[in-house]
Amino acid sequence: MNKPKVPKATAKRLPIYYRYLRFLHDAGKDRISSTELSEAVKVDSATIRRDFSYFGALGKRGYGYDVENLMNFFSKTLKQDRLTNVALVGVGNLGHALLNYNFHQSNNMRISAAFDINEDLIGKILSGVPVYPMSDMIEQLKIQQIEIVILTVPTKVAQETANELQKAGVKGIMNFTPIRITVPDDMRVQNVDLTNELQTLIYFLDHYKKEEPKLEEE
């Protein structure tokens, strides 16, 4: 069966839906309407119904959505029904913070290997994660069959490191560096620029009057 092709805006909302459905399930709620879900996640109900429609009939008219079934569906869609190992490249201040963040407490993801050039860190176990030298990165990524990497290296070596990750067979990079790295078409990069987000927030506070919160749309 072919996987449904959904817009990127929809794909970005799927983890939001999944996280709230888990919360509802843990709270013992059996079903929810698109209107109730809309109020909770701040996405308008028409957008929610359109997002869900890409995956077929997930609910019933007059009944709404079965929380457990929908949660399990998105768990499988987001590959949360099995463990995904990721690697961290660059164990500086941000890297340390990410190691301390326990991804798999609430998600089936974990950092299982880290890489750095700092001799004081290499060979140590930090927050349960072994730190390897950069010289072993390609080999270890292949051995451990890791296809997703979090990149927190200095800007000047970001592109060079991305080139090495390509050789290791990495398919996805979460890029915390401020530059936009270039990768082949069969790799995907998710850029996370904390400074840019903060500057955007400051701009909005300065230039836009406070209005009633609007529900998120595409």
N, C-alpha and C. Protein backbone atom coordinates (compact mmCIF):
# COMPACT_ATOMS: atom_id res chain seq x y z
N MET A 1 0.85 -1.20 0.00
CA MET A 1 0.00 0.00 0.00
C MET A 1 0.88 1.24 0.00
N ASN A 2 0.58 2.21 -0.89
CA ASN A 2 1.36 3.43 -0.95
C ASN A 2 1.08 4.32 0.24
N LYS A 3 2.13 4.96 0.74
CA LYS A 3 1.95 5.90 1.84
C LYS A 3 1.29 7.16 1.32
N PRO A 4 0.35 7.75 2.07
CA PRO A 4 -0.29 8.98 1.61
C PRO A 4 0.70 10.13 1.56
N LYS A 5 0.61 10.93 0.50
CA LYS A 5 1.47 12.11 0.36
C LYS A 5 0.75 13.29 0.99
N VAL A 6 1.28 13.78 2.09
CA VAL A 6 0.61 14.87 2.79
C VAL A 6 1.45 16.14 2.70
N PRO A 7 0.82 17.32 2.78
CA PRO A 7 1.58 18.58 2.77
C PRO A 7 2.51 18.67 3.98
N LYS A 8 3.58 19.43 3.81
CA LYS A 8 4.53 19.59 4.91
C LYS A 8 3.87 20.22 6.14
N ALA A 9 2.96 21.16 5.91
CA ALA A 9 2.28 21.81 7.03
C ALA A 9 1.50 20.80 7.85
N THR A 10 0.87 19.86 7.16
CA THR A 10 0.13 18.79 7.85
C THR A 10 1.09 17.90 8.62
N ALA A 11 2.19 17.51 7.97
CA ALA A 11 3.17 16.63 8.62
C ALA A 11 3.70 17.25 9.91
N LYS A 12 3.89 18.57 9.92
CA LYS A 12 4.40 19.24 11.11
C LYS A 12 3.40 19.23 12.26
N ARG A 13 2.11 19.10 11.91
CA ARG A 13 1.10 19.08 12.97
C ARG A 13 0.86 17.69 13.56
N LEU A 14 1.28 16.65 12.87
CA LEU A 14 1.00 15.30 13.34
C LEU A 14 1.56 15.02 14.74
N PRO A 15 2.80 15.43 15.05
CA PRO A 15 3.29 15.19 16.42
C PRO A 15 2.48 15.92 17.48
N ILE A 16 1.90 17.08 17.11
CA ILE A 16 1.06 17.83 18.06
C ILE A 16 -0.19 17.04 18.37
N TYR A 17 -0.82 16.52 17.32
CA TYR A 17 -2.00 15.69 17.53
C TYR A 17 -1.66 14.47 18.38
N TYR A 18 -0.59 13.80 18.02
CA TYR A 18 -0.20 12.56 18.72
C TYR A 18 0.07 12.82 20.20
N ARG A 19 0.79 13.89 20.49
CA ARG A 19 1.12 14.20 21.89
C ARG A 19 -0.14 14.44 22.72
N TYR A 20 -1.11 15.18 22.14
CA TYR A 20 -2.32 15.46 22.91
C TYR A 20 -3.20 14.22 23.03
N LEU A 21 -3.23 13.38 22.01
CA LEU A 21 -3.99 12.14 22.09
C LEU A 21 -3.43 11.22 23.17
N ARG A 22 -2.12 11.22 23.31
CA ARG A 22 -1.51 10.43 24.39
C ARG A 22 -1.95 10.96 25.75
N PHE A 23 -1.99 12.26 25.86
CA PHE A 23 -2.43 12.88 27.10
C PHE A 23 -3.88 12.49 27.41
N LEU A 24 -4.74 12.54 26.39
CA LEU A 24 -6.14 12.17 26.58
C LEU A 24 -6.27 10.71 26.98
N HIS A 25 -5.52 9.86 26.31
CA HIS A 25 -5.57 8.42 26.60
C HIS A 25 -5.14 8.14 28.03
N ASP A 26 -4.07 8.79 28.45
CA ASP A 26 -3.59 8.60 29.82
C ASP A 26 -4.60 9.11 30.84
N ALA A 27 -5.40 10.11 30.43
CA ALA A 27 -6.42 10.67 31.32
C ALA A 27 -7.71 9.85 31.30
N GLY A 28 -7.76 8.80 30.46
CA GLY A 28 -8.92 7.92 30.43
C GLY A 28 -10.04 8.35 29.51
N LYS A 29 -9.77 9.30 28.60
CA LYS A 29 -10.82 9.76 27.68
C LYS A 29 -10.92 8.81 26.50
N ASP A 30 -12.16 8.45 26.13
CA ASP A 30 -12.38 7.45 25.08
C ASP A 30 -12.53 8.05 23.69
N ARG A 31 -13.19 9.20 23.61
CA ARG A 31 -13.41 9.78 22.29
C ARG A 31 -13.35 11.30 22.37
N ILE A 32 -13.14 11.91 21.18
CA ILE A 32 -13.02 13.36 21.13
C ILE A 32 -13.51 13.84 19.78
N SER A 33 -14.12 15.01 19.74
CA SER A 33 -14.57 15.60 18.47
C SER A 33 -13.47 16.49 17.92
N SER A 34 -13.57 16.83 16.64
CA SER A 34 -12.59 17.73 16.03
C SER A 34 -12.65 19.10 16.68
N THR A 35 -13.85 19.50 17.14
CA THR A 35 -13.99 20.80 17.81
C THR A 35 -13.24 20.81 19.14
N GLU A 36 -13.37 19.73 19.92
CA GLU A 36 -12.65 19.64 21.20
C GLU A 36 -11.14 19.60 20.97
N LEU A 37 -10.73 18.84 19.97
CA LEU A 37 -9.31 18.75 19.66
C LEU A 37 -8.79 20.10 19.19
N SER A 38 -9.60 20.82 18.43
CA SER A 38 -9.24 22.14 17.94
C SER A 38 -8.95 23.09 19.09
N GLU A 39 -9.82 23.10 20.07
CA GLU A 39 -9.66 23.99 21.22
C GLU A 39 -8.39 23.66 22.01
N ALA A 40 -8.05 22.38 22.05
CA ALA A 40 -6.89 21.95 22.83
C ALA A 40 -5.56 22.26 22.15
N VAL A 41 -5.47 22.01 20.84
CA VAL A 41 -4.18 22.15 20.15
C VAL A 41 -4.06 23.45 19.37
N LYS A 42 -5.13 24.28 19.38
CA LYS A 42 -5.11 25.58 18.70
C LYS A 42 -4.90 25.45 17.19
N VAL A 43 -5.56 24.47 16.62
CA VAL A 43 -5.63 24.32 15.17
C VAL A 43 -7.11 24.25 14.83
N ASP A 44 -7.58 25.04 13.84
CA ASP A 44 -9.02 25.09 13.59
C ASP A 44 -9.54 23.72 13.13
N SER A 45 -10.78 23.45 13.47
CA SER A 45 -11.35 22.11 13.26
C SER A 45 -11.38 21.72 11.79
N ALA A 46 -11.58 22.69 10.89
CA ALA A 46 -11.59 22.38 9.45
C ALA A 46 -10.21 21.88 9.02
N THR A 47 -9.15 22.49 9.55
CA THR A 47 -7.80 22.06 9.21
C THR A 47 -7.54 20.67 9.77
N ILE A 48 -7.99 20.40 10.98
CA ILE A 48 -7.82 19.07 11.57
C ILE A 48 -8.50 18.01 10.71
N ARG A 49 -9.74 18.28 10.32
CA ARG A 49 -10.47 17.30 9.49
C ARG A 49 -9.77 17.10 8.14
N ARG A 50 -9.24 18.19 7.58
CA ARG A 50 -8.52 18.07 6.31
C ARG A 50 -7.22 17.28 6.50
N ASP A 51 -6.50 17.57 7.60
CA ASP A 51 -5.27 16.82 7.89
C ASP A 51 -5.56 15.32 8.00
N PHE A 52 -6.61 15.00 8.75
CA PHE A 52 -6.93 13.59 8.97
C PHE A 52 -7.42 12.91 7.69
N SER A 53 -8.04 13.69 6.80
CA SER A 53 -8.61 13.11 5.58
C SER A 53 -7.54 12.51 4.67
N TYR A 54 -6.30 12.98 4.79
CA TYR A 54 -5.22 12.43 3.98
C TYR A 54 -4.96 10.97 4.31
N PHE A 55 -5.41 10.53 5.48
CA PHE A 55 -5.14 9.17 5.93
C PHE A 55 -6.38 8.28 5.87
N GLY A 56 -7.45 8.78 5.26
CA GLY A 56 -8.65 7.99 5.14
C GLY A 56 -9.66 8.33 6.23
N ALA A 57 -10.60 7.43 6.44
CA ALA A 57 -11.67 7.66 7.42
C ALA A 57 -11.18 7.31 8.82
N LEU A 58 -10.76 8.33 9.58
CA LEU A 58 -10.25 8.10 10.93
C LEU A 58 -11.31 8.28 12.00
N GLY A 59 -12.43 8.91 11.63
CA GLY A 59 -13.49 9.14 12.61
C GLY A 59 -14.85 8.81 12.02
N LYS A 60 -15.89 8.99 12.82
CA LYS A 60 -17.25 8.72 12.39
C LYS A 60 -18.11 9.95 12.63
N ARG A 61 -18.92 10.32 11.65
CA ARG A 61 -19.82 11.47 11.79
C ARG A 61 -20.78 11.24 12.96
N GLY A 62 -20.86 12.21 13.83
CA GLY A 62 -21.74 12.10 14.98
C GLY A 62 -21.10 11.43 16.18
N TYR A 63 -19.94 10.80 15.96
CA TYR A 63 -19.24 10.12 17.07
C TYR A 63 -17.94 10.82 17.42
N GLY A 64 -17.26 11.27 16.38
CA GLY A 64 -15.95 11.88 16.60
C GLY A 64 -14.85 10.86 16.37
N TYR A 65 -13.79 10.96 17.16
CA TYR A 65 -12.63 10.10 16.98
C TYR A 65 -12.42 9.25 18.22
N ASP A 66 -12.14 7.97 17.99
CA ASP A 66 -11.77 7.09 19.09
C ASP A 66 -10.33 7.41 19.49
N VAL A 67 -10.13 7.85 20.72
CA VAL A 67 -8.83 8.36 21.16
C VAL A 67 -7.74 7.29 21.04
N GLU A 68 -8.01 6.10 21.54
CA GLU A 68 -6.98 5.06 21.53
C GLU A 68 -6.62 4.64 20.11
N ASN A 69 -7.64 4.44 19.27
CA ASN A 69 -7.37 4.04 17.88
C ASN A 69 -6.59 5.12 17.13
N LEU A 70 -6.98 6.38 17.34
CA LEU A 70 -6.30 7.47 16.64
C LEU A 70 -4.87 7.64 17.16
N MET A 71 -4.69 7.50 18.47
CA MET A 71 -3.36 7.57 19.05
C MET A 71 -2.46 6.47 18.47
N ASN A 72 -2.98 5.26 18.39
CA ASN A 72 -2.19 4.14 17.86
C ASN A 72 -1.87 4.34 16.39
N PHE A 73 -2.83 4.93 15.66
CA PHE A 73 -2.61 5.18 14.24
C PHE A 73 -1.45 6.16 14.04
N PHE A 74 -1.47 7.27 14.78
CA PHE A 74 -0.40 8.26 14.63
C PHE A 74 0.90 7.76 15.22
N SER A 75 0.82 6.89 16.22
CA SER A 75 2.03 6.28 16.77
C SER A 75 2.76 5.50 15.68
N LYS A 76 2.00 4.73 14.90
CA LYS A 76 2.59 3.96 13.81
C LYS A 76 3.05 4.87 12.68
N THR A 77 2.24 5.88 12.37
CA THR A 77 2.60 6.82 11.30
C THR A 77 3.90 7.55 11.60
N LEU A 78 4.08 7.94 12.87
CA LEU A 78 5.28 8.67 13.29
C LEU A 78 6.40 7.73 13.75
N LYS A 79 6.18 6.43 13.56
CA LYS A 79 7.15 5.40 13.94
C LYS A 79 7.45 5.42 15.44
N GLN A 80 6.43 5.75 16.23
CA GLN A 80 6.58 5.73 17.68
C GLN A 80 6.25 4.37 18.26
N ASP A 81 5.89 3.42 17.38
CA ASP A 81 5.60 2.07 17.85
C ASP A 81 6.86 1.22 17.90
N ARG A 82 8.00 1.81 17.56
CA ARG A 82 9.28 1.11 17.68
C ARG A 82 10.37 2.12 18.01
N LEU A 83 11.45 1.62 18.56
CA LEU A 83 12.53 2.50 19.01
C LEU A 83 13.35 2.99 17.83
N THR A 84 13.62 4.30 17.80
CA THR A 84 14.49 4.89 16.79
C THR A 84 15.73 5.46 17.47
N ASN A 85 16.89 4.96 17.07
CA ASN A 85 18.14 5.46 17.60
C ASN A 85 18.65 6.62 16.75
N VAL A 86 19.11 7.66 17.42
CA VAL A 86 19.70 8.81 16.73
C VAL A 86 21.08 9.07 17.32
N ALA A 87 21.89 9.82 16.60
CA ALA A 87 23.23 10.16 17.07
C ALA A 87 23.34 11.66 17.26
N LEU A 88 24.19 12.05 18.18
CA LEU A 88 24.49 13.46 18.43
C LEU A 88 25.93 13.73 17.98
N VAL A 89 26.09 14.71 17.11
CA VAL A 89 27.43 15.08 16.64
C VAL A 89 27.74 16.48 17.15
N GLY A 90 28.65 16.54 18.11
CA GLY A 90 29.00 17.80 18.76
C GLY A 90 28.48 17.83 20.18
N VAL A 91 29.37 17.62 21.15
CA VAL A 91 28.96 17.55 22.55
C VAL A 91 29.43 18.79 23.30
N GLY A 92 29.03 19.96 22.80
CA GLY A 92 29.31 21.21 23.50
C GLY A 92 28.20 21.50 24.51
N ASN A 93 27.97 22.78 24.79
CA ASN A 93 26.94 23.13 25.78
C ASN A 93 25.55 22.66 25.35
N LEU A 94 25.20 22.93 24.09
CA LEU A 94 23.90 22.50 23.60
C LEU A 94 23.82 20.99 23.52
N GLY A 95 24.90 20.38 23.06
CA GLY A 95 24.95 18.92 22.98
C GLY A 95 24.74 18.26 24.33
N HIS A 96 25.39 18.82 25.35
CA HIS A 96 25.21 18.29 26.71
C HIS A 96 23.75 18.40 27.14
N ALA A 97 23.14 19.53 26.83
CA ALA A 97 21.73 19.73 27.22
C ALA A 97 20.84 18.70 26.53
N LEU A 98 21.11 18.41 25.27
CA LEU A 98 20.30 17.43 24.54
C LEU A 98 20.52 16.02 25.07
N LEU A 99 21.74 15.73 25.50
CA LEU A 99 22.00 14.42 26.10
C LEU A 99 21.23 14.25 27.41
N ASN A 100 21.11 15.35 28.15
CA ASN A 100 20.41 15.29 29.43
C ASN A 100 18.89 15.21 29.26
N TYR A 101 18.42 15.58 28.06
CA TYR A 101 16.98 15.51 27.79
C TYR A 101 16.63 14.08 27.40
N ASN A 102 15.82 13.45 28.19
CA ASN A 102 15.54 12.04 27.97
C ASN A 102 14.41 11.86 26.96
N PHE A 103 14.74 11.79 25.66
CA PHE A 103 13.73 11.69 24.60
C PHE A 103 12.79 10.53 24.83
N HIS A 104 13.34 9.37 25.23
CA HIS A 104 12.51 8.17 25.24
C HIS A 104 11.64 8.04 26.49
N GLN A 105 11.62 9.06 27.35
CA GLN A 105 10.66 9.01 28.46
C GLN A 105 9.24 9.09 27.93
N SER A 106 9.03 9.90 26.90
CA SER A 106 7.68 10.05 26.37
C SER A 106 7.60 9.69 24.88
N ASN A 107 8.72 9.37 24.27
CA ASN A 107 8.74 9.01 22.85
C ASN A 107 9.71 7.86 22.65
N ASN A 108 9.47 7.07 21.61
CA ASN A 108 10.36 5.96 21.32
C ASN A 108 11.55 6.42 20.47
N MET A 109 12.27 7.39 20.99
CA MET A 109 13.49 7.88 20.37
C MET A 109 14.56 7.98 21.45
N ARG A 110 15.79 7.76 21.07
CA ARG A 110 16.87 7.94 22.04
C ARG A 110 18.17 8.26 21.33
N ILE A 111 18.99 9.05 21.97
CA ILE A 111 20.35 9.28 21.48
C ILE A 111 21.18 8.09 21.96
N SER A 112 21.70 7.33 21.03
CA SER A 112 22.43 6.11 21.40
C SER A 112 23.93 6.23 21.18
N ALA A 113 24.37 7.30 20.52
CA ALA A 113 25.80 7.51 20.29
C ALA A 113 26.07 9.00 20.12
N ALA A 114 27.22 9.44 20.61
CA ALA A 114 27.62 10.85 20.46
C ALA A 114 29.05 10.90 19.95
N PHE A 115 29.37 12.01 19.26
CA PHE A 115 30.69 12.14 18.65
C PHE A 115 31.25 13.54 18.91
N ASP A 116 32.56 13.60 19.20
CA ASP A 116 33.18 14.89 19.46
C ASP A 116 34.70 14.75 19.28
N ILE A 117 35.38 15.92 19.24
CA ILE A 117 36.84 15.91 19.11
C ILE A 117 37.53 16.14 20.45
N ASN A 118 36.75 16.44 21.48
CA ASN A 118 37.31 16.75 22.79
C ASN A 118 37.82 15.48 23.48
N GLU A 119 39.13 15.43 23.68
CA GLU A 119 39.75 14.24 24.28
C GLU A 119 39.25 13.98 25.69
N ASP A 120 38.80 15.04 26.38
CA ASP A 120 38.29 14.88 27.74
C ASP A 120 36.93 14.18 27.77
N LEU A 121 36.24 14.16 26.62
CA LEU A 121 34.91 13.55 26.55
C LEU A 121 34.93 12.18 25.89
N ILE A 122 35.85 11.99 24.96
CA ILE A 122 35.91 10.75 24.19
C ILE A 122 36.16 9.55 25.12
N GLY A 123 35.37 8.53 24.93
CA GLY A 123 35.50 7.32 25.74
C GLY A 123 34.66 7.33 27.00
N LYS A 124 34.01 8.46 27.28
CA LYS A 124 33.17 8.55 28.48
C LYS A 124 31.72 8.22 28.14
N ILE A 125 30.95 7.94 29.18
CA ILE A 125 29.52 7.73 29.06
C ILE A 125 28.83 8.93 29.68
N LEU A 126 28.14 9.71 28.88
CA LEU A 126 27.45 10.90 29.37
C LEU A 126 25.94 10.69 29.28
N SER A 127 25.28 10.76 30.42
CA SER A 127 23.82 10.53 30.47
C SER A 127 23.44 9.21 29.80
N GLY A 128 24.30 8.21 29.98
CA GLY A 128 24.03 6.89 29.42
C GLY A 128 24.41 6.73 27.96
N VAL A 129 25.06 7.75 27.38
CA VAL A 129 25.41 7.72 25.96
C VAL A 129 26.93 7.71 25.78
N PRO A 130 27.48 6.73 25.06
CA PRO A 130 28.92 6.70 24.82
C PRO A 130 29.36 7.79 23.85
N VAL A 131 30.51 8.41 24.13
CA VAL A 131 31.05 9.46 23.26
C VAL A 131 32.23 8.89 22.49
N TYR A 132 32.14 8.92 21.17
CA TYR A 132 33.18 8.39 20.29
C TYR A 132 33.95 9.54 19.64
N PRO A 133 35.18 9.27 19.19
CA PRO A 133 35.92 10.30 18.44
C PRO A 133 35.30 10.51 17.06
N MET A 134 35.44 11.71 16.51
CA MET A 134 34.89 12.00 15.19
C MET A 134 35.48 11.06 14.14
N SER A 135 36.69 10.61 14.35
CA SER A 135 37.33 9.72 13.38
C SER A 135 36.61 8.37 13.26
N ASP A 136 35.81 8.03 14.27
CA ASP A 136 35.05 6.77 14.24
C ASP A 136 33.61 6.96 13.79
N MET A 137 33.24 8.19 13.45
CA MET A 137 31.83 8.50 13.23
C MET A 137 31.22 7.69 12.09
N ILE A 138 31.83 7.69 10.93
CA ILE A 138 31.26 6.98 9.78
C ILE A 138 31.10 5.50 10.09
N GLU A 139 32.14 4.90 10.65
CA GLU A 139 32.11 3.47 10.96
C GLU A 139 31.01 3.14 11.97
N GLN A 140 30.94 3.92 13.06
CA GLN A 140 29.96 3.64 14.10
C GLN A 140 28.53 3.85 13.63
N LEU A 141 28.30 4.89 12.84
CA LEU A 141 26.96 5.12 12.33
C LEU A 141 26.50 3.96 11.45
N LYS A 142 27.41 3.41 10.68
CA LYS A 142 27.08 2.26 9.84
C LYS A 142 26.85 1.02 10.68
N ILE A 143 27.72 0.77 11.65
CA ILE A 143 27.59 -0.42 12.51
C ILE A 143 26.28 -0.38 13.28
N GLN A 144 25.95 0.80 13.83
CA GLN A 144 24.75 0.93 14.65
C GLN A 144 23.50 1.21 13.82
N GLN A 145 23.68 1.31 12.51
CA GLN A 145 22.57 1.53 11.57
C GLN A 145 21.73 2.76 11.95
N ILE A 146 22.44 3.83 12.27
CA ILE A 146 21.78 5.08 12.65
C ILE A 146 21.63 5.95 11.40
N GLU A 147 20.40 6.39 11.14
CA GLU A 147 20.12 7.17 9.94
C GLU A 147 19.71 8.61 10.25
N ILE A 148 19.59 8.93 11.54
CA ILE A 148 19.18 10.28 11.93
C ILE A 148 20.21 10.86 12.89
N VAL A 149 20.62 12.10 12.64
CA VAL A 149 21.67 12.73 13.43
C VAL A 149 21.25 14.12 13.86
N ILE A 150 21.59 14.47 15.09
CA ILE A 150 21.42 15.83 15.60
C ILE A 150 22.78 16.52 15.48
N LEU A 151 22.83 17.63 14.77
CA LEU A 151 24.10 18.30 14.47
C LEU A 151 24.24 19.57 15.30
N THR A 152 25.24 19.58 16.21
CA THR A 152 25.47 20.75 17.06
C THR A 152 26.94 21.13 17.06
N VAL A 153 27.58 20.98 15.91
CA VAL A 153 29.01 21.31 15.80
C VAL A 153 29.19 22.80 15.54
N PRO A 154 30.42 23.33 15.67
CA PRO A 154 30.67 24.73 15.32
C PRO A 154 30.33 25.00 13.85
N THR A 155 29.91 26.22 13.57
CA THR A 155 29.47 26.59 12.22
C THR A 155 30.51 26.29 11.15
N LYS A 156 31.78 26.54 11.46
CA LYS A 156 32.83 26.41 10.44
C LYS A 156 33.03 24.98 9.95
N VAL A 157 32.56 23.99 10.70
CA VAL A 157 32.74 22.60 10.27
C VAL A 157 31.40 21.92 9.97
N ALA A 158 30.33 22.70 9.94
CA ALA A 158 29.00 22.11 9.76
C ALA A 158 28.86 21.42 8.40
N GLN A 159 29.24 22.11 7.32
CA GLN A 159 29.09 21.52 6.00
C GLN A 159 30.00 20.32 5.82
N GLU A 160 31.23 20.45 6.28
CA GLU A 160 32.18 19.33 6.20
C GLU A 160 31.63 18.10 6.93
N THR A 161 31.05 18.33 8.10
CA THR A 161 30.49 17.23 8.87
C THR A 161 29.30 16.62 8.15
N ALA A 162 28.46 17.46 7.55
CA ALA A 162 27.31 16.96 6.79
C ALA A 162 27.77 16.08 5.64
N ASN A 163 28.87 16.44 5.00
CA ASN A 163 29.42 15.63 3.91
C ASN A 163 29.83 14.24 4.41
N GLU A 164 30.40 14.21 5.61
CA GLU A 164 30.81 12.94 6.20
C GLU A 164 29.59 12.10 6.58
N LEU A 165 28.54 12.76 7.04
CA LEU A 165 27.32 12.05 7.41
C LEU A 165 26.69 11.40 6.19
N GLN A 166 26.81 12.05 5.05
CA GLN A 166 26.31 11.46 3.81
C GLN A 166 27.02 10.14 3.52
N LYS A 167 28.32 10.13 3.72
CA LYS A 167 29.11 8.91 3.48
C LYS A 167 28.69 7.79 4.42
N ALA A 168 28.18 8.16 5.59
CA ALA A 168 27.78 7.16 6.59
C ALA A 168 26.38 6.61 6.32
N GLY A 169 25.70 7.15 5.32
CA GLY A 169 24.36 6.68 4.99
C GLY A 169 23.25 7.34 5.78
N VAL A 170 23.57 8.48 6.42
CA VAL A 170 22.55 9.21 7.19
C VAL A 170 21.49 9.77 6.24
N LYS A 171 20.22 9.66 6.66
CA LYS A 171 19.12 10.12 5.83
C LYS A 171 18.50 11.43 6.33
N GLY A 172 18.67 11.72 7.62
CA GLY A 172 18.06 12.92 8.18
C GLY A 172 18.96 13.62 9.17
N ILE A 173 19.01 14.96 9.10
CA ILE A 173 19.83 15.76 10.01
C ILE A 173 18.96 16.82 10.66
N MET A 174 18.98 16.86 11.99
CA MET A 174 18.38 17.99 12.70
C MET A 174 19.51 18.97 12.96
N ASN A 175 19.49 20.07 12.23
CA ASN A 175 20.61 21.00 12.19
C ASN A 175 20.41 22.15 13.17
N PHE A 176 21.19 22.16 14.25
CA PHE A 176 21.13 23.24 15.22
C PHE A 176 22.15 24.34 14.93
N THR A 177 22.93 24.20 13.87
CA THR A 177 23.90 25.24 13.54
C THR A 177 23.18 26.36 12.79
N PRO A 178 23.69 27.59 12.82
CA PRO A 178 23.00 28.71 12.17
C PRO A 178 23.12 28.75 10.66
N ILE A 179 23.94 27.89 10.05
CA ILE A 179 24.06 27.92 8.59
C ILE A 179 23.15 26.88 7.97
N ARG A 180 22.81 27.08 6.72
CA ARG A 180 22.00 26.14 5.97
C ARG A 180 22.93 25.22 5.20
N ILE A 181 23.00 23.99 5.63
CA ILE A 181 23.91 23.04 5.00
C ILE A 181 23.30 22.49 3.71
N THR A 182 24.16 22.08 2.80
CA THR A 182 23.73 21.51 1.53
C THR A 182 23.87 20.00 1.57
N VAL A 183 22.79 19.30 1.20
CA VAL A 183 22.81 17.84 1.20
C VAL A 183 22.18 17.33 -0.09
N PRO A 184 22.42 16.08 -0.44
CA PRO A 184 21.81 15.50 -1.64
C PRO A 184 20.29 15.38 -1.49
N ASP A 185 19.62 15.11 -2.59
CA ASP A 185 18.16 15.04 -2.60
C ASP A 185 17.62 13.91 -1.73
N ASP A 186 18.43 12.86 -1.51
CA ASP A 186 17.93 11.73 -0.72
C ASP A 186 18.16 11.91 0.78
N MET A 187 18.63 13.10 1.18
CA MET A 187 18.76 13.43 2.59
C MET A 187 17.82 14.59 2.92
N ARG A 188 17.38 14.65 4.16
CA ARG A 188 16.49 15.74 4.59
C ARG A 188 17.10 16.44 5.79
N VAL A 189 16.99 17.77 5.80
CA VAL A 189 17.51 18.57 6.90
C VAL A 189 16.38 19.34 7.55
N GLN A 190 16.31 19.26 8.87
CA GLN A 190 15.36 20.06 9.65
C GLN A 190 16.19 21.10 10.41
N ASN A 191 16.02 22.37 10.07
CA ASN A 191 16.81 23.43 10.70
C ASN A 191 16.12 23.94 11.96
N VAL A 192 16.89 24.01 13.04
CA VAL A 192 16.38 24.51 14.32
C VAL A 192 17.28 25.66 14.74
N ASP A 193 16.82 26.90 14.53
CA ASP A 193 17.62 28.08 14.84
C ASP A 193 16.98 28.82 16.01
N LEU A 194 17.47 28.59 17.21
CA LEU A 194 16.88 29.17 18.41
C LEU A 194 17.00 30.70 18.40
N THR A 195 18.13 31.21 17.92
CA THR A 195 18.33 32.66 17.87
C THR A 195 17.31 33.31 16.93
N ASN A 196 17.11 32.69 15.77
CA ASN A 196 16.15 33.21 14.80
C ASN A 196 14.73 33.23 15.39
N GLU A 197 14.35 32.16 16.09
CA GLU A 197 13.02 32.10 16.68
C GLU A 197 12.84 33.18 17.74
N LEU A 198 13.86 33.41 18.53
CA LEU A 198 13.78 34.42 19.57
C LEU A 198 13.70 35.82 18.96
N GLN A 199 14.51 36.07 17.92
CA GLN A 199 14.47 37.37 17.25
C GLN A 199 13.11 37.61 16.61
N THR A 200 12.52 36.56 16.04
CA THR A 200 11.19 36.68 15.46
C THR A 200 10.16 37.03 16.52
N LEU A 201 10.25 36.38 17.67
CA LEU A 201 9.33 36.67 18.77
C LEU A 201 9.45 38.11 19.22
N ILE A 202 10.68 38.59 19.35
CA ILE A 202 10.92 39.98 19.75
C ILE A 202 10.33 40.94 18.72
N TYR A 203 10.50 40.64 17.44
CA TYR A 203 9.95 41.48 16.37
C TYR A 203 8.43 41.55 16.47
N PHE A 204 7.80 40.39 16.64
CA PHE A 204 6.34 40.35 16.74
C PHE A 204 5.85 41.16 17.93
N LEU A 205 6.54 41.06 19.05
CA LEU A 205 6.14 41.81 20.24
C LEU A 205 6.24 43.31 20.01
N ASP A 206 7.23 43.72 19.22
CA ASP A 206 7.47 45.13 18.96
C ASP A 206 6.52 45.72 17.91
N HIS A 207 6.13 44.90 16.92
CA HIS A 207 5.46 45.44 15.76
C HIS A 207 4.00 45.03 15.59
N TYR A 208 3.52 44.14 16.41
CA TYR A 208 2.14 43.70 16.27
C TYR A 208 1.40 43.91 17.59
N LYS A 209 0.22 44.49 17.47
CA LYS A 209 -0.60 44.66 18.66
C LYS A 209 -1.09 43.30 19.12
N LYS A 210 -1.26 43.18 20.42
CA LYS A 210 -1.74 41.92 20.96
C LYS A 210 -3.20 41.73 20.56
N GLU A 211 -3.47 40.57 19.98
CA GLU A 211 -4.82 40.25 19.55
C GLU A 211 -5.27 38.97 20.23
N GLU A 212 -6.52 38.66 20.03
CA GLU A 212 -7.01 37.37 20.53
C GLU A 212 -6.23 36.27 19.83
N PRO A 213 -5.81 35.21 20.58
CA PRO A 213 -5.04 34.13 19.95
C PRO A 213 -5.83 33.49 18.82
N LYS A 214 -5.15 33.30 17.70
CA LYS A 214 -5.80 32.71 16.54
C LYS A 214 -5.42 31.24 16.44
N LEU A 215 -6.35 30.43 15.93
CA LEU A 215 -6.06 29.04 15.72
C LEU A 215 -5.14 28.91 14.53
N GLU A 216 -4.20 27.97 14.65
CA GLU A 216 -3.19 27.79 13.61
C GLU A 216 -3.83 27.28 12.32
N GLU A 217 -3.36 27.85 11.19
CA GLU A 217 -3.82 27.40 9.89
C GLU A 217 -2.60 27.13 9.01
N GLU A 218 -2.86 26.57 7.86
CA GLU A 218 -1.76 26.31 6.91
C GLU A 218 -1.26 27.63 6.35
